[in-house]
Amino acid sequence: MLQAPASDLLRQGIAAARAGDRAKARILFRDATNAEPTNENAWLWYAGMAETPFEAMACLEHVLSINPNNERAKSGLKSARLNAGVAAAKANDRGLARELLLRTAEEDPNNETVWLWLSGVTDDPYEAVSYLHRVLELNPNNERAKTGLEFYQGRIRQLEEHQAAWSCPVCLSKASEPETQCHCCKSILDISQHEMALNNAEVDKERVRVGLARLQASLASRDDYATHYYIGMAFLNLGKIDDALGHFYDARRHNPDDEGFIAQVNAIQEKWTALPPAVPEVAPVPADVANTPDKPTRKDPQFVMIVDDSPTIRKLVSMTLSRVGYQMIEAGDGHEALERMQTEGIPDLILLDIGMPGMDGFTLCKILRNDPQTAKIPIVILTGKDGLFNKIRGKMAGSNLYLTKPFQPEELVQIVQKNCGVPATVGV
């Protein structure tokens, strides 16, 4: 007997589902996916009739393997993964529950239910406390989180009374004394050993990723030097030098007098800038940029101002843009930027850092937007901060774009070309 086409099976399954016959619908959707394994609609309906969240999760993951852009599958998978994590926790399969819930927390960090369940599947009271703090950041009235916090804080006090131990800032494992390389997750924790961290073959990446997620979640309540420092070290141990630098910049702003730390950050920055440039000596000129009617190409070189308190960043930006024909003006803070505009003229575009001593980037941006002579200058916020809140603040202050550093040189050139025009020397 020949099997019916997948389209007929799918049609019959939908009719059974709408009639409330889930068992029959489930069988028909299963047969439809067997008949046509690449039919994403059949898999979506099958997920909706699944008997367990694990089955639903498997169906939705199959949809995304067929079509990674299926928004219904993406949305449904978050819910299915959370439900599967909760089911695993209730079944006392703490390892599986932890894995599923951590994955959900990465995708949906503002879901208090995820963090609450995570606190119940960890054996480390310090980790549980960090998860419960996250719950209360999201919902200060969560009574279960308050009760759990009291319980775990009591356990921590008992532990500390019996043994004063060092905890790895990344994985929270204990040791009798501080370690420069954690005995558990194998993270290198000293920035002076950044070469070893970047080439750390011993690191337990899964433990580091878990610790990184916890550290990033704690930023909302502990935006300080130590938190940014250890997030940066975690990224270094994962080989993500650009992400590490962004947090080292933030750590430096919290502790600007630590010359040894600044020297190490500069050494890492120099290593990053020493990588082979991705942008050619003369950048190609997109036709839609070269012929944009409202931004005609000027005969004299375009002036671009870089405002950043880091000499390394100013040098990197100036070298990148000078190489393709722009004339650069550098300023170390907002006050110097205003003074240089008075003496050297108004630039055609400004690249502006957010966090600077004295006048920060948001303040300078507002001042420029309130002055008729500078109100229409394109302003690109250039910063190590990559949060939605800072993007909103920058937009409210009047910035045009937002570029996270460390940036890719070709990305910087493209943004400047599109917003400032292409220097007349390019392509001549």
Protein backbone atom coordinates (compact mmCIF):
# COMPACT_ATOMS: atom_id res chain seq x y z
CA MET A 1 0.00 0.00 0.00
CA LEU A 2 1.45 3.34 -1.07
CA GLN A 3 1.82 6.04 1.54
CA ALA A 4 -0.18 9.23 0.97
CA PRO A 5 1.78 12.33 -0.14
CA ALA A 6 3.14 14.52 2.66
CA SER A 7 0.78 17.35 1.68
CA ASP A 8 -2.28 15.11 2.14
CA LEU A 9 -1.00 13.79 5.47
CA LEU A 10 -0.30 17.33 6.63
CA ARG A 11 -3.79 18.48 5.61
CA GLN A 12 -5.41 15.56 7.46
CA GLY A 13 -3.22 16.19 10.53
CA ILE A 14 -4.21 19.87 10.68
CA ALA A 15 -7.88 18.89 10.47
CA ALA A 16 -7.44 16.38 13.33
CA ALA A 17 -5.55 18.95 15.42
CA ARG A 18 -8.30 21.53 14.95
CA ALA A 19 -10.87 18.91 15.89
CA GLY A 20 -9.01 18.28 19.15
CA ASP A 21 -7.79 14.77 18.27
CA ARG A 22 -4.14 15.25 19.28
CA ALA A 23 -3.22 11.55 19.16
CA LYS A 24 -4.41 11.14 15.56
CA ALA A 25 -2.88 14.48 14.54
CA ARG A 26 0.46 13.52 16.04
CA ILE A 27 0.55 10.26 14.04
CA LEU A 28 -0.34 12.07 10.81
CA PHE A 29 2.32 14.76 11.34
CA ARG A 30 4.89 12.09 12.13
CA ASP A 31 4.00 10.28 8.88
CA ALA A 32 4.15 13.58 6.96
CA THR A 33 7.69 14.29 8.21
CA ASN A 34 8.73 10.73 7.31
CA ALA A 35 7.31 11.18 3.82
CA GLU A 36 8.97 14.57 3.34
CA PRO A 37 11.75 15.23 5.91
CA THR A 38 12.39 18.78 4.60
CA ASN A 39 8.80 19.97 5.04
CA GLU A 40 9.25 22.59 7.77
CA ASN A 41 5.49 23.17 8.19
CA ALA A 42 4.97 19.48 8.97
CA TRP A 43 7.72 19.66 11.62
CA LEU A 44 6.17 22.83 13.11
CA TRP A 45 2.77 21.16 13.46
CA TYR A 46 4.44 18.02 14.81
CA ALA A 47 6.14 20.17 17.49
CA GLY A 48 2.76 21.58 18.49
CA MET A 49 1.37 18.08 19.05
CA ALA A 50 4.49 16.73 20.81
CA GLU A 51 3.92 14.66 23.94
CA THR A 52 6.98 16.05 25.78
CA PRO A 53 8.95 19.31 25.64
CA PHE A 54 12.00 17.27 24.58
CA GLU A 55 10.11 16.00 21.53
CA ALA A 56 8.91 19.52 20.72
CA MET A 57 12.46 20.83 21.07
CA ALA A 58 13.80 18.17 18.68
CA CYS A 59 11.11 19.02 16.09
CA LEU A 60 11.83 22.75 16.25
CA GLU A 61 15.58 22.22 16.01
CA HIS A 62 14.89 20.15 12.88
CA VAL A 63 12.89 23.08 11.43
CA LEU A 64 15.84 25.42 12.02
CA SER A 65 18.21 22.94 10.40
CA ILE A 66 16.00 23.23 7.30
CA ASN A 67 15.42 26.99 7.56
CA PRO A 68 17.56 28.89 10.12
CA ASN A 69 15.40 32.00 9.61
CA ASN A 70 12.06 30.43 10.61
CA GLU A 71 10.88 32.90 13.28
CA ARG A 72 8.08 30.64 14.58
CA ALA A 73 10.60 27.89 15.24
CA LYS A 74 13.03 30.29 16.92
CA SER A 75 10.33 31.62 19.22
CA GLY A 76 8.89 28.19 19.96
CA LEU A 77 12.30 26.68 20.64
CA LYS A 78 12.97 29.13 23.50
CA SER A 79 9.77 28.04 25.22
CA ALA A 80 10.34 24.34 24.48
CA ARG A 81 13.90 24.46 25.79
CA LEU A 82 12.76 26.17 29.00
CA ASN A 83 9.99 23.59 29.48
CA ALA A 84 12.47 20.79 28.83
CA GLY A 85 14.88 22.26 31.37
CA VAL A 86 12.15 22.49 33.99
CA ALA A 87 11.05 18.90 33.22
CA ALA A 88 14.65 17.69 33.62
CA ALA A 89 14.95 19.55 36.93
CA LYS A 90 11.74 17.99 38.22
CA ALA A 91 13.07 14.57 37.18
CA ASN A 92 16.26 15.37 39.18
CA ASP A 93 18.42 15.22 36.06
CA ARG A 94 20.36 18.27 37.22
CA GLY A 95 23.09 18.08 34.58
CA LEU A 96 20.66 18.09 31.66
CA ALA A 97 18.48 20.72 33.34
CA ARG A 98 21.49 22.99 33.86
CA GLU A 99 22.60 22.62 30.26
CA LEU A 100 19.14 23.44 28.86
CA LEU A 101 18.48 26.31 31.26
CA LEU A 102 21.87 27.94 30.65
CA ARG A 103 21.23 27.80 26.91
CA THR A 104 17.84 29.42 27.50
CA ALA A 105 19.43 32.10 29.71
CA GLU A 106 21.85 32.99 26.92
CA GLU A 107 18.97 33.46 24.47
CA ASP A 108 16.54 35.11 26.91
CA PRO A 109 18.55 36.79 29.73
CA ASN A 110 15.54 38.76 31.01
CA ASN A 111 13.42 35.69 31.79
CA GLU A 112 13.27 35.48 35.60
CA THR A 113 11.87 31.92 35.51
CA VAL A 114 15.06 30.65 33.86
CA TRP A 115 17.34 32.16 36.51
CA LEU A 116 15.08 30.93 39.32
CA TRP A 117 15.23 27.32 38.09
CA LEU A 118 18.98 27.61 37.48
CA SER A 119 19.46 28.46 41.16
CA GLY A 120 17.86 25.13 42.04
CA VAL A 121 20.04 22.91 39.83
CA THR A 122 23.47 24.10 40.94
CA ASP A 123 25.46 22.58 43.79
CA ASP A 124 27.38 25.82 44.37
CA PRO A 125 25.62 28.26 46.76
CA TYR A 126 27.66 31.19 45.40
CA GLU A 127 26.42 30.46 41.91
CA ALA A 128 22.85 30.06 43.21
CA VAL A 129 23.06 33.47 44.92
CA SER A 130 24.23 35.13 41.69
CA TYR A 131 21.25 33.61 39.82
CA LEU A 132 18.79 34.73 42.50
CA HIS A 133 20.22 38.24 42.48
CA ARG A 134 19.51 38.28 38.75
CA VAL A 135 15.90 37.25 39.42
CA LEU A 136 15.47 40.11 41.90
CA GLU A 137 17.04 42.57 39.47
CA LEU A 138 14.31 41.61 37.02
CA ASN A 139 11.53 41.40 39.63
CA PRO A 140 12.26 42.77 43.13
CA ASN A 141 8.98 41.28 44.39
CA ASN A 142 9.73 37.64 43.57
CA GLU A 143 9.13 35.95 46.93
CA ARG A 144 10.61 32.59 45.92
CA ALA A 145 13.85 34.34 44.98
CA LYS A 146 13.93 36.20 48.32
CA THR A 147 13.42 32.97 50.26
CA GLY A 148 16.02 31.12 48.20
CA LEU A 149 18.50 33.97 48.63
CA GLU A 150 18.20 33.81 52.43
CA PHE A 151 18.73 30.03 52.33
CA TYR A 152 21.85 30.11 50.15
CA GLN A 153 23.34 33.10 51.94
CA GLY A 154 22.99 31.09 55.17
CA ARG A 155 24.83 28.17 53.57
CA ILE A 156 27.59 30.51 52.40
CA ARG A 157 28.03 31.92 55.91
CA GLN A 158 28.38 28.38 57.25
CA LEU A 159 30.98 27.51 54.63
CA GLU A 160 32.98 30.66 55.25
CA GLU A 161 32.96 30.08 58.99
CA HIS A 162 34.59 26.68 58.47
CA GLN A 163 36.98 27.58 55.68
CA ALA A 164 38.13 30.86 54.22
CA ALA A 165 38.85 29.83 50.64
CA TRP A 166 39.62 31.54 47.34
CA SER A 167 37.05 31.23 44.55
CA CYS A 168 37.90 31.29 40.86
CA PRO A 169 36.19 34.44 39.52
CA VAL A 170 35.17 32.53 36.37
CA CYS A 171 33.99 29.07 37.44
CA LEU A 172 33.67 29.71 41.24
CA SER A 173 35.66 26.59 42.16
CA LYS A 174 37.45 26.76 45.54
CA ALA A 175 41.13 26.66 46.40
CA SER A 176 43.07 27.22 49.59
CA GLU A 177 44.93 30.19 48.08
CA PRO A 178 44.64 32.43 44.98
CA GLU A 179 45.66 30.90 41.64
CA THR A 180 46.83 32.59 38.45
CA GLN A 181 45.47 29.58 36.54
CA CYS A 182 42.35 27.96 37.93
CA HIS A 183 42.88 24.28 38.78
CA CYS A 184 39.31 23.52 37.68
CA CYS A 185 38.39 25.49 34.52
CA LYS A 186 42.10 26.06 33.65
CA SER A 187 41.49 29.75 32.90
CA ILE A 188 44.52 32.04 32.95
CA LEU A 189 43.47 34.84 35.32
CA ASP A 190 46.46 37.21 35.13
CA ILE A 191 46.42 39.71 32.26
CA SER A 192 50.23 39.79 32.25
CA GLN A 193 49.97 36.22 30.88
CA HIS A 194 47.65 37.26 28.04
CA GLU A 195 49.72 35.37 25.45
CA MET A 196 49.19 32.15 27.41
CA ALA A 197 45.48 32.92 27.79
CA LEU A 198 45.03 33.45 24.05
CA ASN A 199 46.73 30.12 23.34
CA ASN A 200 45.27 28.19 26.28
CA ALA A 201 44.82 24.62 25.03
CA GLU A 202 43.91 23.35 28.51
CA VAL A 203 40.92 25.59 29.13
CA ASP A 204 37.57 23.96 29.82
CA LYS A 205 35.54 26.06 27.40
CA GLU A 206 32.16 24.85 28.64
CA ARG A 207 32.93 25.87 32.25
CA VAL A 208 34.29 29.20 31.05
CA ARG A 209 31.16 29.90 28.96
CA VAL A 210 28.96 29.15 31.98
CA GLY A 211 31.06 31.46 34.16
CA LEU A 212 31.04 34.13 31.47
CA ALA A 213 27.24 34.07 31.29
CA ARG A 214 27.08 34.47 35.08
CA LEU A 215 29.59 37.35 35.11
CA GLN A 216 27.77 39.16 32.29
CA ALA A 217 24.45 38.74 34.12
CA SER A 218 26.01 40.32 37.24
CA LEU A 219 27.04 43.49 35.36
CA ALA A 220 23.62 45.03 36.01
CA SER A 221 24.41 45.18 39.74
CA ARG A 222 28.23 45.10 39.71
CA ASP A 223 29.50 47.32 36.89
CA ASP A 224 33.00 47.58 38.35
CA TYR A 225 36.67 47.05 37.53
CA ALA A 226 36.87 43.43 38.75
CA THR A 227 33.77 42.25 36.88
CA HIS A 228 34.91 43.76 33.55
CA TYR A 229 38.48 42.48 34.16
CA TYR A 230 37.42 38.86 34.63
CA ILE A 231 34.89 39.00 31.77
CA GLY A 232 37.81 40.18 29.63
CA MET A 233 40.02 37.33 30.89
CA ALA A 234 37.26 34.79 30.20
CA PHE A 235 36.99 36.06 26.61
CA LEU A 236 40.80 35.89 26.23
CA ASN A 237 40.80 32.26 27.34
CA LEU A 238 38.14 31.60 24.68
CA GLY A 239 40.35 33.28 22.08
CA LYS A 240 37.98 36.24 21.57
CA ILE A 241 40.43 39.11 21.72
CA ASP A 242 38.04 41.78 20.41
CA ASP A 243 35.38 41.03 23.04
CA ALA A 244 38.07 40.93 25.73
CA LEU A 245 39.39 44.36 24.77
CA GLY A 246 35.94 45.92 25.00
CA HIS A 247 35.70 44.89 28.67
CA PHE A 248 39.32 45.80 29.43
CA TYR A 249 38.52 49.32 28.17
CA ASP A 250 35.63 49.45 30.64
CA ALA A 251 37.82 48.11 33.46
CA ARG A 252 40.41 50.78 32.68
CA ARG A 253 37.82 53.52 33.06
CA HIS A 254 37.01 52.25 36.55
CA ASN A 255 40.70 52.25 37.50
CA PRO A 256 42.49 54.80 35.28
CA ASP A 257 45.58 55.07 37.55
CA ASP A 258 46.69 51.42 37.26
CA GLU A 259 49.58 51.97 34.86
CA GLY A 260 50.57 48.28 34.86
CA PHE A 261 47.09 47.20 33.78
CA ILE A 262 46.91 49.92 31.12
CA ALA A 263 50.27 48.81 29.74
CA GLN A 264 49.00 45.24 29.44
CA VAL A 265 45.81 46.38 27.67
CA ASN A 266 47.91 48.45 25.26
CA ALA A 267 50.10 45.40 24.59
CA ILE A 268 47.00 43.35 23.71
CA GLN A 269 45.70 46.22 21.56
CA GLU A 270 49.00 46.39 19.68
CA LYS A 271 48.80 42.65 19.04
CA TRP A 272 45.27 43.11 17.65
CA THR A 273 46.30 46.02 15.42
CA ALA A 274 49.30 44.03 14.20
CA LEU A 275 47.00 41.48 12.55
CA PRO A 276 46.98 41.65 8.72
CA PRO A 277 44.69 44.53 7.68
CA ALA A 278 41.44 43.43 6.09
CA VAL A 279 41.10 46.72 4.15
CA PRO A 280 43.23 47.34 1.04
CA GLU A 281 45.51 50.38 0.62
CA VAL A 282 42.82 52.05 -1.51
CA ALA A 283 39.29 51.04 -0.58
CA PRO A 284 36.89 50.23 -3.43
CA VAL A 285 34.30 52.92 -3.98
CA PRO A 286 30.69 51.65 -3.94
CA ALA A 287 28.72 53.26 -6.77
CA ASP A 288 25.89 54.30 -4.48
CA VAL A 289 28.36 56.15 -2.24
CA ALA A 290 30.37 57.85 -4.99
CA ASN A 291 27.24 59.15 -6.69
CA THR A 292 25.11 60.07 -3.68
CA PRO A 293 23.51 63.42 -4.68
CA ASP A 294 23.06 64.82 -1.15
CA LYS A 295 26.70 64.08 -0.21
CA PRO A 296 28.79 65.33 -3.19
CA THR A 297 32.48 64.43 -3.29
CA ARG A 298 34.52 67.44 -2.19
CA LYS A 299 37.67 68.52 -4.02
CA ASP A 300 39.60 69.10 -0.77
CA PRO A 301 40.18 66.18 1.63
CA GLN A 302 37.35 65.44 4.03
CA PHE A 303 38.12 66.18 7.66
CA VAL A 304 37.30 63.51 10.21
CA MET A 305 37.68 64.06 13.95
CA ILE A 306 38.37 61.17 16.35
CA VAL A 307 37.55 61.96 19.98
CA ASP A 308 38.80 59.26 22.36
CA ASP A 309 40.84 59.29 25.58
CA SER A 310 42.92 56.33 24.34
CA PRO A 311 45.99 57.36 22.29
CA THR A 312 46.09 53.82 20.88
CA ILE A 313 42.53 54.04 19.53
CA ARG A 314 43.15 57.53 18.13
CA LYS A 315 46.28 56.29 16.36
CA LEU A 316 44.54 53.21 14.99
CA VAL A 317 41.57 55.20 13.64
CA SER A 318 43.80 57.93 12.18
CA MET A 319 46.07 55.42 10.43
CA THR A 320 43.10 53.49 9.02
CA LEU A 321 41.33 56.55 7.61
CA SER A 322 44.44 58.52 6.53
CA ARG A 323 45.41 55.51 4.43
CA VAL A 324 42.29 56.00 2.28
CA GLY A 325 42.55 59.77 1.89
CA TYR A 326 40.90 61.41 4.92
CA GLN A 327 42.49 64.27 6.85
CA MET A 328 42.36 63.51 10.57
CA ILE A 329 41.92 65.68 13.65
CA GLU A 330 42.48 64.06 17.05
CA ALA A 331 41.11 65.06 20.47
CA GLY A 332 41.50 63.31 23.81
CA ASP A 333 38.24 64.53 25.39
CA GLY A 334 35.16 66.68 24.77
CA HIS A 335 36.76 69.96 25.84
CA GLU A 336 39.75 69.48 23.52
CA ALA A 337 37.38 68.57 20.68
CA LEU A 338 35.50 71.87 21.02
CA GLU A 339 38.77 73.83 21.21
CA ARG A 340 40.18 72.18 18.09
CA MET A 341 36.98 72.91 16.16
CA GLN A 342 37.41 76.60 16.99
CA THR A 343 41.04 76.68 15.82
CA GLU A 344 41.03 74.16 12.96
CA GLY A 345 37.50 74.27 11.64
CA ILE A 346 34.43 72.07 11.75
CA PRO A 347 35.00 68.45 10.63
CA ASP A 348 32.85 66.61 8.10
CA LEU A 349 32.30 63.68 10.47
CA ILE A 350 33.05 62.90 14.13
CA LEU A 351 33.94 59.53 15.64
CA LEU A 352 33.11 59.90 19.32
CA ASP A 353 33.89 57.74 22.35
CA ILE A 354 31.24 57.49 25.12
CA GLY A 355 33.27 57.13 28.30
CA MET A 356 35.89 59.87 28.70
CA PRO A 357 37.13 61.82 31.73
CA GLY A 358 35.60 65.27 32.12
CA MET A 359 33.07 65.78 29.34
CA ASP A 360 31.77 62.40 28.13
CA GLY A 361 30.64 61.60 24.61
CA PHE A 362 26.92 61.95 25.33
CA THR A 363 27.42 65.51 26.65
CA LEU A 364 29.59 66.55 23.70
CA CYS A 365 27.05 65.09 21.27
CA LYS A 366 24.23 67.15 22.83
CA ILE A 367 26.34 70.34 22.70
CA LEU A 368 27.11 69.82 19.02
CA ARG A 369 23.47 69.12 18.16
CA ASN A 370 22.36 72.35 19.91
CA ASP A 371 24.78 74.51 17.90
CA PRO A 372 23.49 75.45 14.40
CA GLN A 373 27.05 75.31 12.99
CA THR A 374 27.57 71.70 14.09
CA ALA A 375 23.99 70.41 14.27
CA LYS A 376 24.17 68.46 11.01
CA ILE A 377 27.62 66.87 11.37
CA PRO A 378 27.36 63.04 11.17
CA ILE A 379 28.35 61.64 14.57
CA VAL A 380 29.33 57.98 14.98
CA ILE A 381 29.49 56.72 18.57
CA LEU A 382 32.68 54.63 18.82
CA THR A 383 32.84 52.68 22.06
CA GLY A 384 33.56 49.40 23.80
CA LYS A 385 30.06 49.34 25.29
CA ASP A 386 27.67 47.22 23.22
CA GLY A 387 24.44 47.47 25.22
CA LEU A 388 20.99 48.49 24.06
CA PHE A 389 20.83 51.16 26.79
CA ASN A 390 23.93 52.96 25.46
CA LYS A 391 22.63 52.77 21.90
CA ILE A 392 19.40 54.42 23.03
CA ARG A 393 21.31 57.12 24.98
CA GLY A 394 23.50 57.80 21.97
CA LYS A 395 20.46 58.11 19.71
CA MET A 396 18.75 60.47 22.16
CA ALA A 397 21.89 62.60 22.36
CA GLY A 398 21.85 62.92 18.56
CA SER A 399 24.31 60.38 17.21
CA ASN A 400 23.77 58.93 13.74
CA LEU A 401 25.38 55.52 14.15
CA TYR A 402 26.91 53.25 16.78
CA LEU A 403 30.16 51.30 16.14
CA THR A 404 31.57 48.94 18.77
CA LYS A 405 35.31 48.74 19.29
CA PRO A 406 37.53 46.90 18.71
CA PHE A 407 36.24 47.48 15.18
CA GLN A 408 37.18 45.89 11.89
CA PRO A 409 39.08 48.47 9.75
CA GLU A 410 37.00 47.83 6.65
CA GLU A 411 33.79 48.37 8.66
CA LEU A 412 35.09 51.73 9.89
CA VAL A 413 36.07 52.83 6.37
CA GLN A 414 32.68 51.85 4.93
CA ILE A 415 30.77 53.77 7.62
CA VAL A 416 32.87 56.91 7.13
CA GLN A 417 32.58 56.72 3.33
CA LYS A 418 28.80 56.36 3.46
CA ASN A 419 28.33 59.25 5.89
CA CYS A 420 31.13 61.61 4.86
CA GLY A 421 31.68 60.95 1.18
CA VAL A 422 34.77 59.50 -0.51
CA PRO A 423 37.95 61.62 -0.67
CA ALA A 424 38.67 62.97 -4.13
CA THR A 425 42.06 61.22 -4.08
CA VAL A 426 40.47 57.76 -3.85
CA GLY A 427 40.27 56.01 -7.18
CA VAL A 428 42.20 58.79 -9.01
